[in-house]
Amino acid sequence: GPWESVTGHHSPLFQGSQDTGNQTYLNTDFAM
């Protein structure tokens, strides 16, 4: 969300190809 310094979808279904580190956990598939 806009609390971050770069754009990103607030509710991605899957991990993004640019996601690294803890960012790899920030998606619906991982949470479910």
PDB file of all heavy atoms in Angstrom:
ATOM      1  N   GLY A   1       0.819  -1.202   0.000  1.00  0.00           N
ATOM      2  CA  GLY A   1       0.000   0.000   0.000  1.00  0.00           C
ATOM      3  C   GLY A   1       0.848   1.245   0.000  1.00  0.00           C
ATOM      4  O   GLY A   1       2.088   1.176   0.003  1.00  0.00           O
ATOM      5  N   PRO A   2       0.193   2.389   0.002  1.00  0.00           N
ATOM      6  CA  PRO A   2       0.911   3.656  -0.137  1.00  0.00           C
ATOM      7  C   PRO A   2       1.769   4.044   1.069  1.00  0.00           C
ATOM      8  O   PRO A   2       2.377   5.094   1.076  1.00  0.00           O
ATOM      9  CB  PRO A   2      -0.209   4.668  -0.382  1.00  0.00           C
ATOM     10  CG  PRO A   2      -1.449   4.029   0.101  1.00  0.00           C
ATOM     11  CD  PRO A   2      -1.251   2.554  -0.013  1.00  0.00           C
ATOM     12  N   TRP A   3       1.851   3.205   2.054  1.00  0.00           N
ATOM     13  CA  TRP A   3       2.794   3.398   3.156  1.00  0.00           C
ATOM     14  C   TRP A   3       4.192   2.969   2.725  1.00  0.00           C
ATOM     15  O   TRP A   3       5.153   3.196   3.435  1.00  0.00           O
ATOM     16  CB  TRP A   3       2.342   2.627   4.402  1.00  0.00           C
ATOM     17  CG  TRP A   3       2.007   1.190   4.111  1.00  0.00           C
ATOM     18  CD1 TRP A   3       2.879   0.127   4.084  1.00  0.00           C
ATOM     19  CD2 TRP A   3       0.728   0.667   3.771  1.00  0.00           C
ATOM     20  NE1 TRP A   3       2.210  -1.022   3.744  1.00  0.00           N
ATOM     21  CE2 TRP A   3       0.878  -0.716   3.553  1.00  0.00           C
ATOM     22  CE3 TRP A   3      -0.537   1.231   3.639  1.00  0.00           C
ATOM     23  CZ2 TRP A   3      -0.186  -1.550   3.207  1.00  0.00           C
ATOM     24  CZ3 TRP A   3      -1.587   0.396   3.292  1.00  0.00           C
ATOM     25  CH2 TRP A   3      -1.413  -0.973   3.081  1.00  0.00           C
ATOM     26  N   GLU A   4       4.285   2.352   1.536  1.00  0.00           N
ATOM     27  CA  GLU A   4       5.570   1.937   0.985  1.00  0.00           C
ATOM     28  C   GLU A   4       6.041   2.968  -0.036  1.00  0.00           C
ATOM     29  O   GLU A   4       5.258   3.762  -0.540  1.00  0.00           O
ATOM     30  CB  GLU A   4       5.438   0.561   0.334  1.00  0.00           C
ATOM     31  CG  GLU A   4       5.034  -0.522   1.325  1.00  0.00           C
ATOM     32  CD  GLU A   4       4.723  -1.847   0.664  1.00  0.00           C
ATOM     33  OE1 GLU A   4       3.910  -1.882  -0.281  1.00  0.00           O
ATOM     34  OE2 GLU A   4       5.292  -2.852   1.105  1.00  0.00           O
ATOM     35  N   SER A   5       7.301   2.909  -0.386  1.00  0.00           N
ATOM     36  CA  SER A   5       7.879   3.905  -1.300  1.00  0.00           C
ATOM     37  C   SER A   5       7.832   3.483  -2.767  1.00  0.00           C
ATOM     38  O   SER A   5       8.336   4.200  -3.630  1.00  0.00           O
ATOM     39  CB  SER A   5       9.325   4.208  -0.897  1.00  0.00           C
ATOM     40  OG  SER A   5      10.108   3.021  -0.968  1.00  0.00           O
ATOM     41  N   VAL A   6       7.254   2.319  -3.035  1.00  0.00           N
ATOM     42  CA  VAL A   6       7.091   1.837  -4.412  1.00  0.00           C
ATOM     43  C   VAL A   6       5.698   1.248  -4.571  1.00  0.00           C
ATOM     44  O   VAL A   6       5.068   0.832  -3.593  1.00  0.00           O
ATOM     45  CB  VAL A   6       8.151   0.775  -4.796  1.00  0.00           C
ATOM     46  CG1 VAL A   6       9.550   1.360  -4.786  1.00  0.00           C
ATOM     47  CG2 VAL A   6       8.069  -0.434  -3.885  1.00  0.00           C
ATOM     48  N   THR A   7       5.215   1.197  -5.808  1.00  0.00           N
ATOM     49  CA  THR A   7       3.901   0.634  -6.080  1.00  0.00           C
ATOM     50  C   THR A   7       3.898  -0.878  -5.904  1.00  0.00           C
ATOM     51  O   THR A   7       4.915  -1.540  -6.112  1.00  0.00           O
ATOM     52  CB  THR A   7       3.441   0.969  -7.514  1.00  0.00           C
ATOM     53  OG1 THR A   7       4.377   0.399  -8.434  1.00  0.00           O
ATOM     54  CG2 THR A   7       3.332   2.464  -7.735  1.00  0.00           C
ATOM     55  N   GLY A   8       2.765  -1.400  -5.520  1.00  0.00           N
ATOM     56  CA  GLY A   8       2.581  -2.838  -5.394  1.00  0.00           C
ATOM     57  C   GLY A   8       1.114  -3.128  -5.192  1.00  0.00           C
ATOM     58  O   GLY A   8       0.398  -2.350  -4.554  1.00  0.00           O
ATOM     59  N   HIS A   9       0.659  -4.235  -5.734  1.00  0.00           N
ATOM     60  CA  HIS A   9      -0.759  -4.593  -5.605  1.00  0.00           C
ATOM     61  C   HIS A   9      -1.037  -5.014  -4.169  1.00  0.00           C
ATOM     62  O   HIS A   9      -0.302  -5.792  -3.587  1.00  0.00           O
ATOM     63  CB  HIS A   9      -1.119  -5.713  -6.574  1.00  0.00           C
ATOM     64  CG  HIS A   9      -2.588  -5.813  -6.819  1.00  0.00           C
ATOM     65  ND1 HIS A   9      -3.455  -6.346  -5.878  1.00  0.00           N
ATOM     66  CD2 HIS A   9      -3.348  -5.435  -7.865  1.00  0.00           C
ATOM     67  CE1 HIS A   9      -4.683  -6.297  -6.359  1.00  0.00           C
ATOM     68  NE2 HIS A   9      -4.649  -5.739  -7.570  1.00  0.00           N
ATOM     69  N   HIS A  10      -2.126  -4.512  -3.621  1.00  0.00           N
ATOM     70  CA  HIS A  10      -2.463  -4.794  -2.221  1.00  0.00           C
ATOM     71  C   HIS A  10      -2.956  -6.217  -1.994  1.00  0.00           C
ATOM     72  O   HIS A  10      -2.941  -6.707  -0.876  1.00  0.00           O
ATOM     73  CB  HIS A  10      -3.503  -3.789  -1.705  1.00  0.00           C
ATOM     74  CG  HIS A  10      -4.851  -3.927  -2.332  1.00  0.00           C
ATOM     75  ND1 HIS A  10      -5.095  -3.638  -3.653  1.00  0.00           N
ATOM     76  CD2 HIS A  10      -6.025  -4.340  -1.818  1.00  0.00           C
ATOM     77  CE1 HIS A  10      -6.361  -3.861  -3.926  1.00  0.00           C
ATOM     78  NE2 HIS A  10      -6.950  -4.281  -2.817  1.00  0.00           N
ATOM     79  N   SER A  11      -3.365  -6.907  -3.062  1.00  0.00           N
ATOM     80  CA  SER A  11      -3.919  -8.248  -2.897  1.00  0.00           C
ATOM     81  C   SER A  11      -3.498  -9.177  -4.043  1.00  0.00           C
ATOM     82  O   SER A  11      -4.333  -9.740  -4.752  1.00  0.00           O
ATOM     83  CB  SER A  11      -5.454  -8.165  -2.820  1.00  0.00           C
ATOM     84  OG  SER A  11      -6.006  -9.418  -2.523  1.00  0.00           O
ATOM     85  N   PRO A  12      -2.185  -9.360  -4.220  1.00  0.00           N
ATOM     86  CA  PRO A  12      -1.739 -10.237  -5.306  1.00  0.00           C
ATOM     87  C   PRO A  12      -2.075 -11.691  -4.989  1.00  0.00           C
ATOM     88  O   PRO A  12      -1.978 -12.118  -3.835  1.00  0.00           O
ATOM     89  CB  PRO A  12      -0.224 -10.027  -5.331  1.00  0.00           C
ATOM     90  CG  PRO A  12       0.124  -9.665  -3.919  1.00  0.00           C
ATOM     91  CD  PRO A  12      -1.057  -8.868  -3.421  1.00  0.00           C
ATOM     92  N   LEU A  13      -2.470 -12.430  -6.004  1.00  0.00           N
ATOM     93  CA  LEU A  13      -2.774 -13.839  -5.782  1.00  0.00           C
ATOM     94  C   LEU A  13      -1.482 -14.626  -5.546  1.00  0.00           C
ATOM     95  O   LEU A  13      -1.423 -15.457  -4.646  1.00  0.00           O
ATOM     96  CB  LEU A  13      -3.551 -14.419  -6.964  1.00  0.00           C
ATOM     97  CG  LEU A  13      -3.985 -15.880  -6.838  1.00  0.00           C
ATOM     98  CD1 LEU A  13      -4.764 -16.146  -5.553  1.00  0.00           C
ATOM     99  CD2 LEU A  13      -4.808 -16.295  -8.055  1.00  0.00           C
ATOM    100  N   PHE A  14      -0.457 -14.338  -6.333  1.00  0.00           N
ATOM    101  CA  PHE A  14       0.795 -15.081  -6.231  1.00  0.00           C
ATOM    102  C   PHE A  14       1.982 -14.145  -5.999  1.00  0.00           C
ATOM    103  O   PHE A  14       1.878 -12.933  -6.192  1.00  0.00           O
ATOM    104  CB  PHE A  14       1.039 -15.902  -7.514  1.00  0.00           C
ATOM    105  CG  PHE A  14       0.010 -16.963  -7.746  1.00  0.00           C
ATOM    106  CD1 PHE A  14      -0.911 -16.841  -8.771  1.00  0.00           C
ATOM    107  CD2 PHE A  14      -0.049 -18.084  -6.933  1.00  0.00           C
ATOM    108  CE1 PHE A  14      -1.871 -17.821  -8.992  1.00  0.00           C
ATOM    109  CE2 PHE A  14      -1.011 -19.067  -7.148  1.00  0.00           C
ATOM    110  CZ  PHE A  14      -1.925 -18.937  -8.187  1.00  0.00           C
ATOM    111  N   GLN A  15       3.096 -14.731  -5.650  1.00  0.00           N
ATOM    112  CA  GLN A  15       4.349 -14.001  -5.465  1.00  0.00           C
ATOM    113  C   GLN A  15       4.759 -13.362  -6.789  1.00  0.00           C
ATOM    114  O   GLN A  15       4.605 -13.959  -7.848  1.00  0.00           O
ATOM    115  CB  GLN A  15       5.429 -14.990  -5.008  1.00  0.00           C
ATOM    116  CG  GLN A  15       6.811 -14.401  -4.890  1.00  0.00           C
ATOM    117  CD  GLN A  15       7.830 -15.452  -4.475  1.00  0.00           C
ATOM    118  OE1 GLN A  15       7.507 -16.401  -3.779  1.00  0.00           O
ATOM    119  NE2 GLN A  15       9.047 -15.282  -4.934  1.00  0.00           N
ATOM    120  N   GLY A  16       5.279 -12.153  -6.711  1.00  0.00           N
ATOM    121  CA  GLY A  16       5.757 -11.470  -7.893  1.00  0.00           C
ATOM    122  C   GLY A  16       7.171 -11.882  -8.244  1.00  0.00           C
ATOM    123  O   GLY A  16       7.960 -12.264  -7.371  1.00  0.00           O
ATOM    124  N   SER A  17       7.512 -11.784  -9.505  1.00  0.00           N
ATOM    125  CA  SER A  17       8.848 -12.187  -9.959  1.00  0.00           C
ATOM    126  C   SER A  17       9.949 -11.302  -9.366  1.00  0.00           C
ATOM    127  O   SER A  17      11.096 -11.719  -9.279  1.00  0.00           O
ATOM    128  CB  SER A  17       8.914 -12.159 -11.484  1.00  0.00           C
ATOM    129  OG  SER A  17       8.622 -10.851 -11.956  1.00  0.00           O
ATOM    130  N   GLN A  18       9.602 -10.091  -8.936  1.00  0.00           N
ATOM    131  CA  GLN A  18      10.588  -9.181  -8.351  1.00  0.00           C
ATOM    132  C   GLN A  18      10.672  -9.303  -6.829  1.00  0.00           C
ATOM    133  O   GLN A  18      11.512  -8.668  -6.200  1.00  0.00           O
ATOM    134  CB  GLN A  18      10.256  -7.743  -8.720  1.00  0.00           C
ATOM    135  CG  GLN A  18      10.273  -7.461 -10.196  1.00  0.00           C
ATOM    136  CD  GLN A  18       9.814  -6.037 -10.509  1.00  0.00           C
ATOM    137  OE1 GLN A  18       9.820  -5.169  -9.658  1.00  0.00           O
ATOM    138  NE2 GLN A  18       9.410  -5.817 -11.741  1.00  0.00           N
ATOM    139  N   ASP A  19       9.795 -10.109  -6.224  1.00  0.00           N
ATOM    140  CA  ASP A  19       9.769 -10.232  -4.772  1.00  0.00           C
ATOM    141  C   ASP A  19      10.980 -11.009  -4.269  1.00  0.00           C
ATOM    142  O   ASP A  19      11.289 -12.086  -4.790  1.00  0.00           O
ATOM    143  CB  ASP A  19       8.491 -10.943  -4.310  1.00  0.00           C
ATOM    144  CG  ASP A  19       7.248 -10.127  -4.550  1.00  0.00           C
ATOM    145  OD1 ASP A  19       7.362  -8.897  -4.733  1.00  0.00           O
ATOM    146  OD2 ASP A  19       6.146 -10.714  -4.548  1.00  0.00           O
ATOM    147  N   THR A  20      11.625 -10.460  -3.247  1.00  0.00           N
ATOM    148  CA  THR A  20      12.760 -11.119  -2.613  1.00  0.00           C
ATOM    149  C   THR A  20      12.617 -11.005  -1.097  1.00  0.00           C
ATOM    150  O   THR A  20      11.847 -10.179  -0.594  1.00  0.00           O
ATOM    151  CB  THR A  20      14.102 -10.480  -3.039  1.00  0.00           C
ATOM    152  OG1 THR A  20      14.085  -9.095  -2.665  1.00  0.00           O
ATOM    153  CG2 THR A  20      14.339 -10.607  -4.528  1.00  0.00           C
ATOM    154  N   GLY A  21      13.363 -11.817  -0.372  1.00  0.00           N
ATOM    155  CA  GLY A  21      13.349 -11.755   1.086  1.00  0.00           C
ATOM    156  C   GLY A  21      11.947 -11.929   1.638  1.00  0.00           C
ATOM    157  O   GLY A  21      11.180 -12.777   1.186  1.00  0.00           O
ATOM    158  N   ASN A  22      11.589 -11.105   2.614  1.00  0.00           N
ATOM    159  CA  ASN A  22      10.273 -11.185   3.240  1.00  0.00           C
ATOM    160  C   ASN A  22       9.136 -10.831   2.296  1.00  0.00           C
ATOM    161  O   ASN A  22       7.984 -11.185   2.553  1.00  0.00           O
ATOM    162  CB  ASN A  22      10.210 -10.281   4.477  1.00  0.00           C
ATOM    163  CG  ASN A  22      11.034 -10.831   5.616  1.00  0.00           C
ATOM    164  OD1 ASN A  22      11.337 -12.022   5.672  1.00  0.00           O
ATOM    165  ND2 ASN A  22      11.409  -9.960   6.543  1.00  0.00           N
ATOM    166  N   GLN A  23       9.429 -10.154   1.196  1.00  0.00           N
ATOM    167  CA  GLN A  23       8.392  -9.807   0.219  1.00  0.00           C
ATOM    168  C   GLN A  23       7.756 -11.051  -0.390  1.00  0.00           C
ATOM    169  O   GLN A  23       6.628 -11.005  -0.871  1.00  0.00           O
ATOM    170  CB  GLN A  23       8.974  -8.924  -0.888  1.00  0.00           C
ATOM    171  CG  GLN A  23       9.510  -7.584  -0.409  1.00  0.00           C
ATOM    172  CD  GLN A  23       8.388  -6.642  -0.019  1.00  0.00           C
ATOM    173  OE1 GLN A  23       7.419  -6.490  -0.746  1.00  0.00           O
ATOM    174  NE2 GLN A  23       8.515  -6.028   1.142  1.00  0.00           N
ATOM    175  N   THR A  24       8.480 -12.175  -0.378  1.00  0.00           N
ATOM    176  CA  THR A  24       7.950 -13.404  -0.979  1.00  0.00           C
ATOM    177  C   THR A  24       6.747 -13.949  -0.207  1.00  0.00           C
ATOM    178  O   THR A  24       6.018 -14.790  -0.723  1.00  0.00           O
ATOM    179  CB  THR A  24       9.026 -14.498  -1.070  1.00  0.00           C
ATOM    180  OG1 THR A  24       9.487 -14.816   0.249  1.00  0.00           O
ATOM    181  CG2 THR A  24      10.200 -14.036  -1.932  1.00  0.00           C
ATOM    182  N   TYR A  25       6.540 -13.472   1.019  1.00  0.00           N
ATOM    183  CA  TYR A  25       5.411 -13.926   1.830  1.00  0.00           C
ATOM    184  C   TYR A  25       4.159 -13.070   1.626  1.00  0.00           C
ATOM    185  O   TYR A  25       3.097 -13.419   2.122  1.00  0.00           O
ATOM    186  CB  TYR A  25       5.758 -13.892   3.319  1.00  0.00           C
ATOM    187  CG  TYR A  25       7.034 -14.597   3.680  1.00  0.00           C
ATOM    188  CD1 TYR A  25       8.017 -13.954   4.407  1.00  0.00           C
ATOM    189  CD2 TYR A  25       7.259 -15.924   3.296  1.00  0.00           C
ATOM    190  CE1 TYR A  25       9.191 -14.611   4.751  1.00  0.00           C
ATOM    191  CE2 TYR A  25       8.428 -16.577   3.621  1.00  0.00           C
ATOM    192  CZ  TYR A  25       9.396 -15.913   4.353  1.00  0.00           C
ATOM    193  OH  TYR A  25      10.557 -16.554   4.685  1.00  0.00           O
ATOM    194  N   LEU A  26       4.292 -11.953   0.938  1.00  0.00           N
ATOM    195  CA  LEU A  26       3.211 -10.977   0.855  1.00  0.00           C
ATOM    196  C   LEU A  26       2.301 -11.230  -0.347  1.00  0.00           C
ATOM    197  O   LEU A  26       2.248 -10.454  -1.298  1.00  0.00           O
ATOM    198  CB  LEU A  26       3.788  -9.560   0.820  1.00  0.00           C
ATOM    199  CG  LEU A  26       4.658  -9.192   2.023  1.00  0.00           C
ATOM    200  CD1 LEU A  26       5.197  -7.772   1.884  1.00  0.00           C
ATOM    201  CD2 LEU A  26       3.891  -9.356   3.324  1.00  0.00           C
ATOM    202  N   ASN A  27       1.589 -12.351  -0.296  1.00  0.00           N
ATOM    203  CA  ASN A  27       0.639 -12.693  -1.349  1.00  0.00           C
ATOM    204  C   ASN A  27      -0.399 -13.669  -0.809  1.00  0.00           C
ATOM    205  O   ASN A  27      -0.196 -14.320   0.213  1.00  0.00           O
ATOM    206  CB  ASN A  27       1.364 -13.256  -2.580  1.00  0.00           C
ATOM    207  CG  ASN A  27       2.116 -14.529  -2.263  1.00  0.00           C
ATOM    208  OD1 ASN A  27       1.512 -15.596  -2.186  1.00  0.00           O
ATOM    209  ND2 ASN A  27       3.427 -14.428  -2.076  1.00  0.00           N
ATOM    210  N   THR A  28      -1.509 -13.736  -1.481  1.00  0.00           N
ATOM    211  CA  THR A  28      -2.642 -14.543  -1.058  1.00  0.00           C
ATOM    212  C   THR A  28      -2.295 -16.023  -0.990  1.00  0.00           C
ATOM    213  O   THR A  28      -2.635 -16.701  -0.017  1.00  0.00           O
ATOM    214  CB  THR A  28      -3.829 -14.302  -2.016  1.00  0.00           C
ATOM    215  OG1 THR A  28      -4.168 -12.915  -1.958  1.00  0.00           O
ATOM    216  CG2 THR A  28      -5.022 -15.148  -1.674  1.00  0.00           C
ATOM    217  N   ASP A  29      -1.627 -16.529  -2.016  1.00  0.00           N
ATOM    218  CA  ASP A  29      -1.286 -17.950  -2.061  1.00  0.00           C
ATOM    219  C   ASP A  29      -0.462 -18.345  -0.844  1.00  0.00           C
ATOM    220  O   ASP A  29      -0.745 -19.361  -0.203  1.00  0.00           O
ATOM    221  CB  ASP A  29      -0.539 -18.256  -3.360  1.00  0.00           C
ATOM    222  CG  ASP A  29      -0.094 -19.701  -3.457  1.00  0.00           C
ATOM    223  OD1 ASP A  29      -0.957 -20.594  -3.343  1.00  0.00           O
ATOM    224  OD2 ASP A  29       1.119 -19.940  -3.638  1.00  0.00           O
ATOM    225  N   PHE A  30       0.539 -17.558  -0.497  1.00  0.00           N
ATOM    226  CA  PHE A  30       1.361 -17.895   0.666  1.00  0.00           C
ATOM    227  C   PHE A  30       0.511 -17.914   1.933  1.00  0.00           C
ATOM    228  O   PHE A  30       0.607 -18.830   2.753  1.00  0.00           O
ATOM    229  CB  PHE A  30       2.536 -16.924   0.850  1.00  0.00           C
ATOM    230  CG  PHE A  30       3.351 -17.261   2.070  1.00  0.00           C
ATOM    231  CD1 PHE A  30       4.341 -18.220   2.008  1.00  0.00           C
ATOM    232  CD2 PHE A  30       3.070 -16.664   3.296  1.00  0.00           C
ATOM    233  CE1 PHE A  30       5.056 -18.572   3.148  1.00  0.00           C
ATOM    234  CE2 PHE A  30       3.773 -17.008   4.438  1.00  0.00           C
ATOM    235  CZ  PHE A  30       4.770 -17.968   4.367  1.00  0.00           C
ATOM    236  N   ALA A  31      -0.340 -16.897   2.117  1.00  0.00           N
ATOM    237  CA  ALA A  31      -1.150 -16.801   3.333  1.00  0.00           C
ATOM    238  C   ALA A  31      -2.102 -17.994   3.459  1.00  0.00           C
ATOM    239  O   ALA A  31      -2.238 -18.584   4.540  1.00  0.00           O
ATOM    240  CB  ALA A  31      -1.933 -15.491   3.338  1.00  0.00           C
ATOM    241  N   MET A  32      -2.745 -18.356   2.372  1.00  0.00           N
ATOM    242  CA  MET A  32      -3.695 -19.469   2.426  1.00  0.00           C
ATOM    243  C   MET A  32      -2.971 -20.798   2.666  1.00  0.00           C
ATOM    244  O   MET A  32      -3.426 -21.628   3.461  1.00  0.00           O
ATOM    245  CB  MET A  32      -4.527 -19.525   1.139  1.00  0.00           C
ATOM    246  CG  MET A  32      -5.421 -18.308   0.913  1.00  0.00           C
ATOM    247  SD  MET A  32      -6.597 -17.972   2.239  1.00  0.00           S
ATOM    248  CE  MET A  32      -7.747 -19.337   2.023  1.00  0.00           C
TER     249      MET A  32
END
